Every structure is written in C-alpha cells, then in structure tokens.
Amino acid sequence: MTPENNTEEFYKKLKEQLSDTSLWPGPYLYKFIVPSDFAKIKQIEDIFDHTGAVINRKESRTGKYTSVSVNVNMKNPDAVIAKYIEVGNIEGVISL
C-alpha cells in the first residue's frame, strides 16, 4: 500500500468515526504541533480565518515547538477532513 492509500484509508476511517460519534453541525477541536515559526503558525490561523474559530497557542518549554489548538464549529465530517488536508500541506506540521 502506498502512503497516499494509507492517507485515504485514514481519512475514510476518520469520517466514519466522526459520523458515528458526533452530531453535525457541531464543535470540533483540532490540535497541531508546529515548529515555532511565526509564518507556519500564521498559515494555520489563516486557514481557519472567517470561521469563528477560537485559536490558542502554547510554546513548548524549550521554545522549539508551538501547540496550536483550534476550536471551531464544523458543518460535517467532510469539512473537518478538508481542513486537516489543508493544514497537512504546511511543511513540518503534526496533526494530533
């Protein structure tokens, strides 16, 4: 299986889990770990701009990484996954 297929399988499973465990539209909490680079953090914030998201940042003890939490109301599991894919295009970002 190629990495792309693993990604497709992951998102398919995530969609099923979100459909089974949550009511939509509804709140969703994203968590990302980002190298402490203002430009990368800004890119994440821009992705959630105009969505009513509440974004919190917390720098690691050493200052090398920043945790970015995004609490936002999403329409459905497809919208949740679309944001994960969009953020996934930013180099060095880890989605939790």
N, C-alpha and C. Protein backbone atom coordinates (compact mmCIF):
# COMPACT_ATOMS: atom_id res chain seq x y z
N MET A 1 0.84 -1.18 0.00
CA MET A 1 0.00 0.00 0.00
C MET A 1 0.88 1.24 0.00
N THR A 2 0.59 2.20 -0.84
CA THR A 2 1.38 3.42 -0.91
C THR A 2 0.97 4.38 0.20
N PRO A 3 1.84 5.32 0.55
CA PRO A 3 1.47 6.30 1.58
C PRO A 3 0.18 7.03 1.24
N GLU A 4 -0.05 7.33 -0.04
CA GLU A 4 -1.28 8.01 -0.43
C GLU A 4 -2.50 7.18 -0.07
N ASN A 5 -2.43 5.86 -0.32
CA ASN A 5 -3.54 4.98 0.03
C ASN A 5 -3.74 4.92 1.53
N ASN A 6 -2.64 4.95 2.30
CA ASN A 6 -2.76 4.97 3.76
C ASN A 6 -3.49 6.22 4.20
N THR A 7 -3.19 7.34 3.57
CA THR A 7 -3.85 8.60 3.89
C THR A 7 -5.33 8.51 3.56
N GLU A 8 -5.66 7.98 2.41
CA GLU A 8 -7.07 7.83 2.02
C GLU A 8 -7.81 6.93 3.00
N GLU A 9 -7.20 5.83 3.40
CA GLU A 9 -7.81 4.92 4.36
C GLU A 9 -7.99 5.60 5.71
N PHE A 10 -6.99 6.37 6.14
CA PHE A 10 -7.07 7.08 7.40
C PHE A 10 -8.26 8.03 7.41
N TYR A 11 -8.39 8.83 6.36
CA TYR A 11 -9.48 9.81 6.30
C TYR A 11 -10.84 9.13 6.15
N LYS A 12 -10.89 8.01 5.47
CA LYS A 12 -12.14 7.26 5.35
C LYS A 12 -12.58 6.77 6.73
N LYS A 13 -11.63 6.23 7.50
CA LYS A 13 -11.94 5.74 8.84
C LYS A 13 -12.33 6.90 9.75
N LEU A 14 -11.60 8.02 9.65
CA LEU A 14 -11.92 9.19 10.46
C LEU A 14 -13.33 9.68 10.16
N LYS A 15 -13.70 9.72 8.89
CA LYS A 15 -15.04 10.17 8.51
C LYS A 15 -16.10 9.28 9.14
N GLU A 16 -15.89 7.98 9.11
CA GLU A 16 -16.85 7.05 9.72
C GLU A 16 -16.96 7.30 11.22
N GLN A 17 -15.81 7.47 11.89
CA GLN A 17 -15.82 7.71 13.33
C GLN A 17 -16.52 9.02 13.68
N LEU A 18 -16.24 10.06 12.93
CA LEU A 18 -16.89 11.35 13.18
C LEU A 18 -18.40 11.27 12.95
N SER A 19 -18.81 10.53 11.93
CA SER A 19 -20.24 10.38 11.64
C SER A 19 -20.94 9.62 12.75
N ASP A 20 -20.25 8.63 13.31
CA ASP A 20 -20.85 7.77 14.33
C ASP A 20 -20.86 8.40 15.72
N THR A 21 -19.93 9.30 16.01
CA THR A 21 -19.77 9.77 17.38
C THR A 21 -20.18 11.22 17.62
N SER A 22 -20.49 11.96 16.57
CA SER A 22 -20.79 13.38 16.75
C SER A 22 -22.05 13.78 15.99
N LEU A 23 -22.67 14.84 16.48
CA LEU A 23 -23.82 15.43 15.77
C LEU A 23 -23.32 16.61 14.96
N TRP A 24 -23.81 16.73 13.73
CA TRP A 24 -23.34 17.79 12.83
C TRP A 24 -24.48 18.68 12.42
N PRO A 25 -24.25 19.99 12.26
CA PRO A 25 -23.02 20.70 12.54
C PRO A 25 -22.73 20.72 14.04
N GLY A 26 -21.44 20.87 14.38
CA GLY A 26 -21.05 20.86 15.78
C GLY A 26 -19.62 21.28 15.98
N PRO A 27 -19.24 21.42 17.26
CA PRO A 27 -17.88 21.86 17.57
C PRO A 27 -16.86 20.76 17.30
N TYR A 28 -15.66 21.18 16.91
CA TYR A 28 -14.57 20.23 16.70
C TYR A 28 -13.28 20.89 17.17
N LEU A 29 -12.43 20.12 17.84
CA LEU A 29 -11.17 20.64 18.34
C LEU A 29 -10.02 20.02 17.56
N TYR A 30 -9.30 20.87 16.85
CA TYR A 30 -8.09 20.47 16.14
C TYR A 30 -6.90 20.75 17.04
N LYS A 31 -5.89 19.87 16.97
CA LYS A 31 -4.64 20.13 17.69
C LYS A 31 -3.49 19.87 16.74
N PHE A 32 -2.58 20.83 16.69
CA PHE A 32 -1.42 20.72 15.82
C PHE A 32 -0.16 21.06 16.61
N ILE A 33 0.94 20.40 16.25
CA ILE A 33 2.25 20.75 16.78
C ILE A 33 3.03 21.32 15.61
N VAL A 34 3.59 22.52 15.81
CA VAL A 34 4.23 23.25 14.74
C VAL A 34 5.61 23.72 15.22
N PRO A 35 6.63 23.65 14.35
CA PRO A 35 7.89 24.31 14.73
C PRO A 35 7.57 25.77 15.04
N SER A 36 8.20 26.32 16.06
CA SER A 36 7.90 27.70 16.47
C SER A 36 8.39 28.69 15.41
N ASP A 37 7.64 28.73 14.34
CA ASP A 37 7.94 29.58 13.19
C ASP A 37 6.67 30.41 12.95
N PHE A 38 6.78 31.72 13.14
CA PHE A 38 5.61 32.59 13.03
C PHE A 38 4.86 32.39 11.72
N ALA A 39 5.59 32.21 10.62
CA ALA A 39 4.95 32.07 9.30
C ALA A 39 4.09 30.81 9.24
N LYS A 40 4.56 29.72 9.81
CA LYS A 40 3.78 28.47 9.78
C LYS A 40 2.55 28.58 10.67
N ILE A 41 2.71 29.19 11.82
CA ILE A 41 1.57 29.38 12.72
C ILE A 41 0.54 30.28 12.05
N LYS A 42 1.01 31.31 11.40
CA LYS A 42 0.11 32.24 10.68
C LYS A 42 -0.64 31.52 9.57
N GLN A 43 0.03 30.59 8.86
CA GLN A 43 -0.65 29.83 7.81
C GLN A 43 -1.82 29.04 8.39
N ILE A 44 -1.62 28.41 9.54
CA ILE A 44 -2.71 27.66 10.18
C ILE A 44 -3.84 28.61 10.55
N GLU A 45 -3.50 29.72 11.16
CA GLU A 45 -4.52 30.70 11.55
C GLU A 45 -5.29 31.19 10.34
N ASP A 46 -4.61 31.41 9.23
CA ASP A 46 -5.26 31.88 8.01
C ASP A 46 -6.24 30.84 7.46
N ILE A 47 -5.92 29.57 7.60
CA ILE A 47 -6.82 28.51 7.12
C ILE A 47 -8.15 28.56 7.86
N PHE A 48 -8.11 28.95 9.14
CA PHE A 48 -9.33 28.99 9.94
C PHE A 48 -9.91 30.40 10.06
N ASP A 49 -9.35 31.34 9.31
CA ASP A 49 -9.84 32.72 9.33
C ASP A 49 -11.28 32.76 8.82
N HIS A 50 -12.09 33.59 9.38
CA HIS A 50 -13.50 33.79 8.99
C HIS A 50 -14.36 32.56 9.25
N THR A 51 -13.95 31.71 10.20
CA THR A 51 -14.76 30.53 10.54
C THR A 51 -15.32 30.63 11.95
N GLY A 52 -14.95 31.69 12.67
CA GLY A 52 -15.38 31.84 14.06
C GLY A 52 -14.56 30.98 15.01
N ALA A 53 -13.42 30.51 14.55
CA ALA A 53 -12.58 29.63 15.36
C ALA A 53 -11.93 30.38 16.51
N VAL A 54 -11.79 29.66 17.64
CA VAL A 54 -11.03 30.15 18.78
C VAL A 54 -9.69 29.41 18.72
N ILE A 55 -8.61 30.17 18.58
CA ILE A 55 -7.29 29.58 18.40
C ILE A 55 -6.42 29.91 19.61
N ASN A 56 -5.83 28.86 20.19
CA ASN A 56 -4.92 29.02 21.31
C ASN A 56 -3.55 28.47 20.93
N ARG A 57 -2.51 29.18 21.37
CA ARG A 57 -1.13 28.75 21.11
C ARG A 57 -0.42 28.58 22.43
N LYS A 58 0.44 27.55 22.49
CA LYS A 58 1.26 27.35 23.68
C LYS A 58 2.62 26.87 23.22
N GLU A 59 3.64 27.62 23.58
CA GLU A 59 5.00 27.28 23.20
C GLU A 59 5.54 26.19 24.13
N SER A 60 6.35 25.29 23.58
CA SER A 60 6.98 24.25 24.39
C SER A 60 7.97 24.88 25.37
N ARG A 61 8.37 24.09 26.34
CA ARG A 61 9.30 24.59 27.37
C ARG A 61 10.58 25.11 26.75
N THR A 62 11.07 24.43 25.72
CA THR A 62 12.32 24.85 25.07
C THR A 62 12.11 25.93 24.02
N GLY A 63 10.86 26.16 23.63
CA GLY A 63 10.55 27.17 22.62
C GLY A 63 10.73 26.69 21.19
N LYS A 64 11.06 25.42 21.03
CA LYS A 64 11.30 24.89 19.69
C LYS A 64 10.00 24.61 18.94
N TYR A 65 8.94 24.24 19.67
CA TYR A 65 7.66 23.91 19.06
C TYR A 65 6.53 24.72 19.71
N THR A 66 5.45 24.84 18.97
CA THR A 66 4.25 25.50 19.47
C THR A 66 3.06 24.59 19.23
N SER A 67 2.23 24.44 20.26
CA SER A 67 0.98 23.70 20.14
C SER A 67 -0.10 24.70 19.72
N VAL A 68 -0.83 24.37 18.69
CA VAL A 68 -1.91 25.23 18.21
C VAL A 68 -3.21 24.45 18.32
N SER A 69 -4.13 24.93 19.14
CA SER A 69 -5.45 24.31 19.30
C SER A 69 -6.48 25.21 18.63
N VAL A 70 -7.34 24.59 17.83
CA VAL A 70 -8.36 25.34 17.10
C VAL A 70 -9.72 24.74 17.43
N ASN A 71 -10.56 25.52 18.10
CA ASN A 71 -11.90 25.08 18.43
C ASN A 71 -12.87 25.81 17.51
N VAL A 72 -13.61 25.03 16.70
CA VAL A 72 -14.44 25.66 15.67
C VAL A 72 -15.67 24.80 15.40
N ASN A 73 -16.77 25.44 15.03
CA ASN A 73 -17.96 24.70 14.61
C ASN A 73 -17.80 24.29 13.15
N MET A 74 -18.00 23.01 12.89
CA MET A 74 -17.86 22.48 11.53
C MET A 74 -19.20 21.94 11.06
N LYS A 75 -19.41 21.98 9.73
CA LYS A 75 -20.68 21.55 9.14
C LYS A 75 -20.86 20.05 9.18
N ASN A 76 -19.79 19.31 8.86
CA ASN A 76 -19.89 17.85 8.75
C ASN A 76 -18.49 17.25 8.75
N PRO A 77 -18.40 15.91 8.80
CA PRO A 77 -17.08 15.26 8.78
C PRO A 77 -16.23 15.62 7.55
N ASP A 78 -16.85 15.81 6.41
CA ASP A 78 -16.09 16.19 5.21
C ASP A 78 -15.40 17.53 5.39
N ALA A 79 -16.06 18.47 6.05
CA ALA A 79 -15.46 19.79 6.30
C ALA A 79 -14.29 19.67 7.27
N VAL A 80 -14.42 18.79 8.26
CA VAL A 80 -13.33 18.55 9.22
C VAL A 80 -12.10 18.03 8.48
N ILE A 81 -12.31 17.03 7.64
CA ILE A 81 -11.22 16.41 6.89
C ILE A 81 -10.59 17.39 5.92
N ALA A 82 -11.40 18.23 5.28
CA ALA A 82 -10.86 19.21 4.34
C ALA A 82 -9.86 20.14 5.02
N LYS A 83 -10.15 20.54 6.26
CA LYS A 83 -9.23 21.41 6.99
C LYS A 83 -7.95 20.65 7.35
N TYR A 84 -8.08 19.37 7.76
CA TYR A 84 -6.88 18.57 8.05
C TYR A 84 -5.98 18.49 6.81
N ILE A 85 -6.58 18.28 5.66
CA ILE A 85 -5.81 18.17 4.43
C ILE A 85 -5.12 19.50 4.11
N GLU A 86 -5.86 20.59 4.30
CA GLU A 86 -5.31 21.91 4.02
C GLU A 86 -4.11 22.21 4.93
N VAL A 87 -4.27 21.93 6.23
CA VAL A 87 -3.17 22.16 7.17
C VAL A 87 -2.02 21.20 6.90
N GLY A 88 -2.34 19.99 6.44
CA GLY A 88 -1.33 18.98 6.14
C GLY A 88 -0.36 19.41 5.04
N ASN A 89 -0.74 20.39 4.26
CA ASN A 89 0.13 20.90 3.21
C ASN A 89 1.24 21.83 3.72
N ILE A 90 1.15 22.19 5.00
CA ILE A 90 2.16 23.06 5.61
C ILE A 90 3.29 22.16 6.12
N GLU A 91 4.48 22.41 5.65
CA GLU A 91 5.63 21.58 6.00
C GLU A 91 5.93 21.62 7.49
N GLY A 92 6.12 20.44 8.08
CA GLY A 92 6.54 20.35 9.48
C GLY A 92 5.43 20.31 10.49
N VAL A 93 4.17 20.42 10.07
CA VAL A 93 3.04 20.43 10.99
C VAL A 93 2.62 18.99 11.30
N ILE A 94 2.42 18.70 12.58
CA ILE A 94 1.94 17.40 13.01
C ILE A 94 0.52 17.57 13.51
N SER A 95 -0.41 16.78 12.95
CA SER A 95 -1.80 16.82 13.41
C SER A 95 -2.00 15.75 14.47
N LEU A 96 -2.65 16.13 15.56
CA LEU A 96 -2.93 15.17 16.64
C LEU A 96 -4.37 14.76 16.62
